[in-house]
Amino acid sequence: MHIENRLPVVMYSKPACVQCNATERWFKANKIQYRKVDVSQDESALAYVKGLGYQGAPVVIVPMDWPNGGSHWYGFDTGNLQKLLG
């Protein structure tokens, strides 16, 4: 799988979030392209993740073109993160 050719994963985060920082470190260590959105600065992003049923951060959204794509989850979830590697 050529991860670099995939649309980036989106991580909705907030400042001083331990799980957000851990998820971001994992993305960087595994060379996963991602886009970070700070829900404390973007009201529409906050409304979006709340609409998905989440109250905490990070919320990770995986685009449809990834294997196992079209998924989303909350927190530093190593099981779901490993699925990104194929």
N, C-alpha and C. Protein backbone atom coordinates (compact mmCIF):
# COMPACT_ATOMS: atom_id res chain seq x y z
N MET A 1 0.84 -1.18 0.00
CA MET A 1 0.00 0.00 0.00
C MET A 1 0.88 1.23 0.00
N HIS A 2 0.50 2.23 -0.77
CA HIS A 2 1.24 3.48 -0.82
C HIS A 2 0.50 4.53 -0.01
N ILE A 3 0.82 4.61 1.27
CA ILE A 3 0.12 5.51 2.18
C ILE A 3 0.23 6.95 1.72
N GLU A 4 1.36 7.34 1.16
CA GLU A 4 1.56 8.73 0.77
C GLU A 4 0.61 9.18 -0.33
N ASN A 5 -0.01 8.23 -1.05
CA ASN A 5 -0.95 8.58 -2.12
C ASN A 5 -2.39 8.69 -1.64
N ARG A 6 -2.62 8.42 -0.40
CA ARG A 6 -3.97 8.46 0.16
C ARG A 6 -4.31 9.86 0.64
N LEU A 7 -5.61 10.15 0.67
CA LEU A 7 -6.04 11.39 1.29
C LEU A 7 -5.64 11.37 2.76
N PRO A 8 -5.35 12.52 3.32
CA PRO A 8 -4.91 12.49 4.72
C PRO A 8 -6.04 12.16 5.69
N VAL A 9 -5.64 11.49 6.72
CA VAL A 9 -6.50 11.24 7.87
C VAL A 9 -6.71 12.60 8.54
N VAL A 10 -7.85 12.80 9.17
CA VAL A 10 -8.10 14.04 9.89
C VAL A 10 -8.18 13.72 11.38
N MET A 11 -7.43 14.49 12.17
CA MET A 11 -7.47 14.35 13.62
C MET A 11 -8.03 15.63 14.21
N TYR A 12 -9.19 15.52 14.82
CA TYR A 12 -9.79 16.64 15.52
C TYR A 12 -9.24 16.61 16.94
N SER A 13 -8.59 17.69 17.34
CA SER A 13 -7.87 17.70 18.61
C SER A 13 -8.18 18.97 19.39
N LYS A 14 -7.58 19.04 20.57
CA LYS A 14 -7.67 20.25 21.38
C LYS A 14 -6.33 20.44 22.09
N PRO A 15 -6.03 21.65 22.52
CA PRO A 15 -4.74 21.91 23.18
C PRO A 15 -4.60 21.12 24.50
N ALA A 16 -3.37 20.81 24.82
CA ALA A 16 -3.02 20.13 26.07
C ALA A 16 -3.74 18.80 26.25
N CYS A 17 -3.97 18.10 25.16
CA CYS A 17 -4.67 16.81 25.18
C CYS A 17 -3.62 15.70 25.07
N VAL A 18 -3.47 14.92 26.11
CA VAL A 18 -2.46 13.86 26.15
C VAL A 18 -2.70 12.83 25.04
N GLN A 19 -3.94 12.40 24.87
CA GLN A 19 -4.24 11.40 23.84
C GLN A 19 -4.05 11.98 22.43
N CYS A 20 -4.34 13.27 22.26
CA CYS A 20 -4.11 13.92 20.96
C CYS A 20 -2.62 13.93 20.64
N ASN A 21 -1.81 14.29 21.63
CA ASN A 21 -0.36 14.33 21.43
C ASN A 21 0.19 12.95 21.11
N ALA A 22 -0.30 11.91 21.80
CA ALA A 22 0.16 10.55 21.55
C ALA A 22 -0.23 10.10 20.14
N THR A 23 -1.44 10.44 19.72
CA THR A 23 -1.89 10.08 18.37
C THR A 23 -1.05 10.79 17.32
N GLU A 24 -0.78 12.05 17.53
CA GLU A 24 0.04 12.82 16.59
C GLU A 24 1.46 12.25 16.50
N ARG A 25 2.04 11.88 17.62
CA ARG A 25 3.38 11.26 17.61
C ARG A 25 3.34 9.95 16.83
N TRP A 26 2.27 9.15 17.00
CA TRP A 26 2.15 7.88 16.29
C TRP A 26 2.07 8.13 14.79
N PHE A 27 1.25 9.11 14.37
CA PHE A 27 1.16 9.44 12.94
C PHE A 27 2.53 9.79 12.38
N LYS A 28 3.25 10.64 13.07
CA LYS A 28 4.57 11.07 12.58
C LYS A 28 5.55 9.91 12.54
N ALA A 29 5.57 9.09 13.58
CA ALA A 29 6.50 7.95 13.63
C ALA A 29 6.22 6.94 12.52
N ASN A 30 4.95 6.84 12.11
CA ASN A 30 4.57 5.87 11.08
C ASN A 30 4.35 6.50 9.72
N LYS A 31 4.74 7.77 9.60
CA LYS A 31 4.68 8.50 8.32
C LYS A 31 3.27 8.49 7.72
N ILE A 32 2.28 8.69 8.57
CA ILE A 32 0.90 8.79 8.13
C ILE A 32 0.58 10.26 7.88
N GLN A 33 0.11 10.56 6.68
CA GLN A 33 -0.30 11.93 6.38
C GLN A 33 -1.60 12.20 7.15
N TYR A 34 -1.63 13.35 7.78
CA TYR A 34 -2.83 13.70 8.52
C TYR A 34 -2.99 15.21 8.53
N ARG A 35 -4.22 15.61 8.80
CA ARG A 35 -4.52 17.02 8.95
C ARG A 35 -5.08 17.20 10.34
N LYS A 36 -4.56 18.17 11.06
CA LYS A 36 -4.97 18.42 12.44
C LYS A 36 -5.93 19.60 12.47
N VAL A 37 -7.06 19.42 13.14
CA VAL A 37 -8.06 20.47 13.28
C VAL A 37 -8.29 20.69 14.77
N ASP A 38 -8.07 21.90 15.23
CA ASP A 38 -8.24 22.25 16.64
C ASP A 38 -9.70 22.64 16.88
N VAL A 39 -10.44 21.78 17.59
CA VAL A 39 -11.86 22.04 17.81
C VAL A 39 -12.10 23.20 18.77
N SER A 40 -11.07 23.62 19.49
CA SER A 40 -11.24 24.78 20.37
C SER A 40 -11.19 26.09 19.58
N GLN A 41 -10.72 26.02 18.33
CA GLN A 41 -10.62 27.19 17.46
C GLN A 41 -11.58 27.16 16.28
N ASP A 42 -12.24 26.03 16.07
CA ASP A 42 -13.10 25.85 14.90
C ASP A 42 -14.46 25.32 15.34
N GLU A 43 -15.43 26.22 15.45
CA GLU A 43 -16.75 25.85 15.95
C GLU A 43 -17.46 24.84 15.06
N SER A 44 -17.28 24.94 13.75
CA SER A 44 -17.94 23.99 12.86
C SER A 44 -17.33 22.59 13.01
N ALA A 45 -16.02 22.52 13.25
CA ALA A 45 -15.38 21.22 13.48
C ALA A 45 -15.89 20.60 14.78
N LEU A 46 -16.04 21.43 15.81
CA LEU A 46 -16.58 20.95 17.09
C LEU A 46 -18.00 20.42 16.90
N ALA A 47 -18.81 21.15 16.17
CA ALA A 47 -20.18 20.71 15.91
C ALA A 47 -20.19 19.40 15.13
N TYR A 48 -19.25 19.25 14.18
CA TYR A 48 -19.16 18.03 13.38
C TYR A 48 -18.86 16.81 14.27
N VAL A 49 -17.84 16.90 15.12
CA VAL A 49 -17.50 15.73 15.95
C VAL A 49 -18.59 15.46 16.99
N LYS A 50 -19.23 16.49 17.49
CA LYS A 50 -20.35 16.27 18.41
C LYS A 50 -21.50 15.59 17.68
N GLY A 51 -21.69 15.96 16.41
CA GLY A 51 -22.72 15.32 15.60
C GLY A 51 -22.46 13.84 15.37
N LEU A 52 -21.20 13.45 15.40
CA LEU A 52 -20.83 12.04 15.29
C LEU A 52 -21.01 11.30 16.62
N GLY A 53 -21.29 12.08 17.68
CA GLY A 53 -21.52 11.48 19.00
C GLY A 53 -20.33 11.54 19.94
N TYR A 54 -19.29 12.25 19.58
CA TYR A 54 -18.09 12.32 20.41
C TYR A 54 -18.10 13.56 21.30
N GLN A 55 -17.59 13.40 22.51
CA GLN A 55 -17.49 14.50 23.46
C GLN A 55 -16.05 14.83 23.83
N GLY A 56 -15.11 13.97 23.45
CA GLY A 56 -13.71 14.16 23.80
C GLY A 56 -12.82 14.18 22.57
N ALA A 57 -11.53 14.26 22.81
CA ALA A 57 -10.56 14.32 21.72
C ALA A 57 -9.41 13.36 22.02
N PRO A 58 -8.72 12.91 21.00
CA PRO A 58 -8.91 13.22 19.59
C PRO A 58 -10.02 12.37 18.97
N VAL A 59 -10.57 12.89 17.91
CA VAL A 59 -11.45 12.11 17.05
C VAL A 59 -10.71 11.98 15.73
N VAL A 60 -10.51 10.75 15.31
CA VAL A 60 -9.76 10.46 14.08
C VAL A 60 -10.76 10.01 13.01
N ILE A 61 -10.68 10.65 11.85
CA ILE A 61 -11.55 10.32 10.72
C ILE A 61 -10.67 9.76 9.60
N VAL A 62 -11.00 8.55 9.14
CA VAL A 62 -10.24 7.90 8.07
C VAL A 62 -11.06 8.01 6.78
N PRO A 63 -10.48 8.58 5.71
CA PRO A 63 -11.22 8.74 4.46
C PRO A 63 -11.58 7.40 3.82
N MET A 64 -12.56 7.45 2.94
CA MET A 64 -13.07 6.24 2.28
C MET A 64 -12.03 5.53 1.42
N ASP A 65 -11.01 6.23 0.91
CA ASP A 65 -10.09 5.57 -0.02
C ASP A 65 -8.99 4.77 0.68
N TRP A 66 -8.99 4.72 2.00
CA TRP A 66 -8.04 3.88 2.73
C TRP A 66 -8.61 2.47 2.85
N PRO A 67 -7.74 1.47 2.97
CA PRO A 67 -8.26 0.15 3.36
C PRO A 67 -8.91 0.33 4.74
N ASN A 68 -10.01 -0.30 4.95
CA ASN A 68 -10.80 -0.12 6.19
C ASN A 68 -11.24 1.33 6.33
N GLY A 69 -11.35 2.04 5.23
CA GLY A 69 -11.68 3.46 5.25
C GLY A 69 -13.12 3.73 5.61
N GLY A 70 -13.38 5.00 5.77
CA GLY A 70 -14.72 5.41 6.15
C GLY A 70 -15.00 5.21 7.62
N SER A 71 -13.95 5.08 8.40
CA SER A 71 -14.15 4.84 9.83
C SER A 71 -13.75 6.06 10.65
N HIS A 72 -14.15 6.04 11.89
CA HIS A 72 -13.75 7.08 12.82
C HIS A 72 -13.79 6.51 14.23
N TRP A 73 -12.99 7.12 15.09
CA TRP A 73 -12.94 6.69 16.48
C TRP A 73 -12.45 7.82 17.36
N TYR A 74 -12.55 7.58 18.65
CA TYR A 74 -12.13 8.54 19.67
C TYR A 74 -10.92 7.98 20.41
N GLY A 75 -10.00 8.84 20.75
CA GLY A 75 -8.89 8.49 21.64
C GLY A 75 -7.68 7.93 20.92
N PHE A 76 -6.66 7.65 21.71
CA PHE A 76 -5.43 7.04 21.21
C PHE A 76 -5.68 5.54 21.17
N ASP A 77 -6.17 5.06 20.03
CA ASP A 77 -6.61 3.67 19.87
C ASP A 77 -5.61 2.95 18.97
N THR A 78 -4.67 2.25 19.59
CA THR A 78 -3.61 1.61 18.83
C THR A 78 -4.14 0.54 17.88
N GLY A 79 -5.22 -0.12 18.23
CA GLY A 79 -5.79 -1.13 17.33
C GLY A 79 -6.25 -0.51 16.02
N ASN A 80 -6.99 0.57 16.11
CA ASN A 80 -7.44 1.25 14.90
C ASN A 80 -6.28 1.93 14.18
N LEU A 81 -5.34 2.46 14.91
CA LEU A 81 -4.17 3.08 14.27
C LEU A 81 -3.39 2.06 13.47
N GLN A 82 -3.20 0.88 14.00
CA GLN A 82 -2.46 -0.17 13.28
C GLN A 82 -3.14 -0.54 11.96
N LYS A 83 -4.48 -0.46 11.93
CA LYS A 83 -5.21 -0.77 10.70
C LYS A 83 -4.84 0.19 9.57
N LEU A 84 -4.40 1.39 9.93
CA LEU A 84 -4.00 2.37 8.90
C LEU A 84 -2.77 1.91 8.13
N LEU A 85 -1.98 1.06 8.73
CA LEU A 85 -0.76 0.59 8.08
C LEU A 85 -1.02 -0.53 7.10
N GLY A 86 -2.24 -1.06 7.09
CA GLY A 86 -2.63 -2.10 6.14
C GLY A 86 -2.26 -3.48 6.55
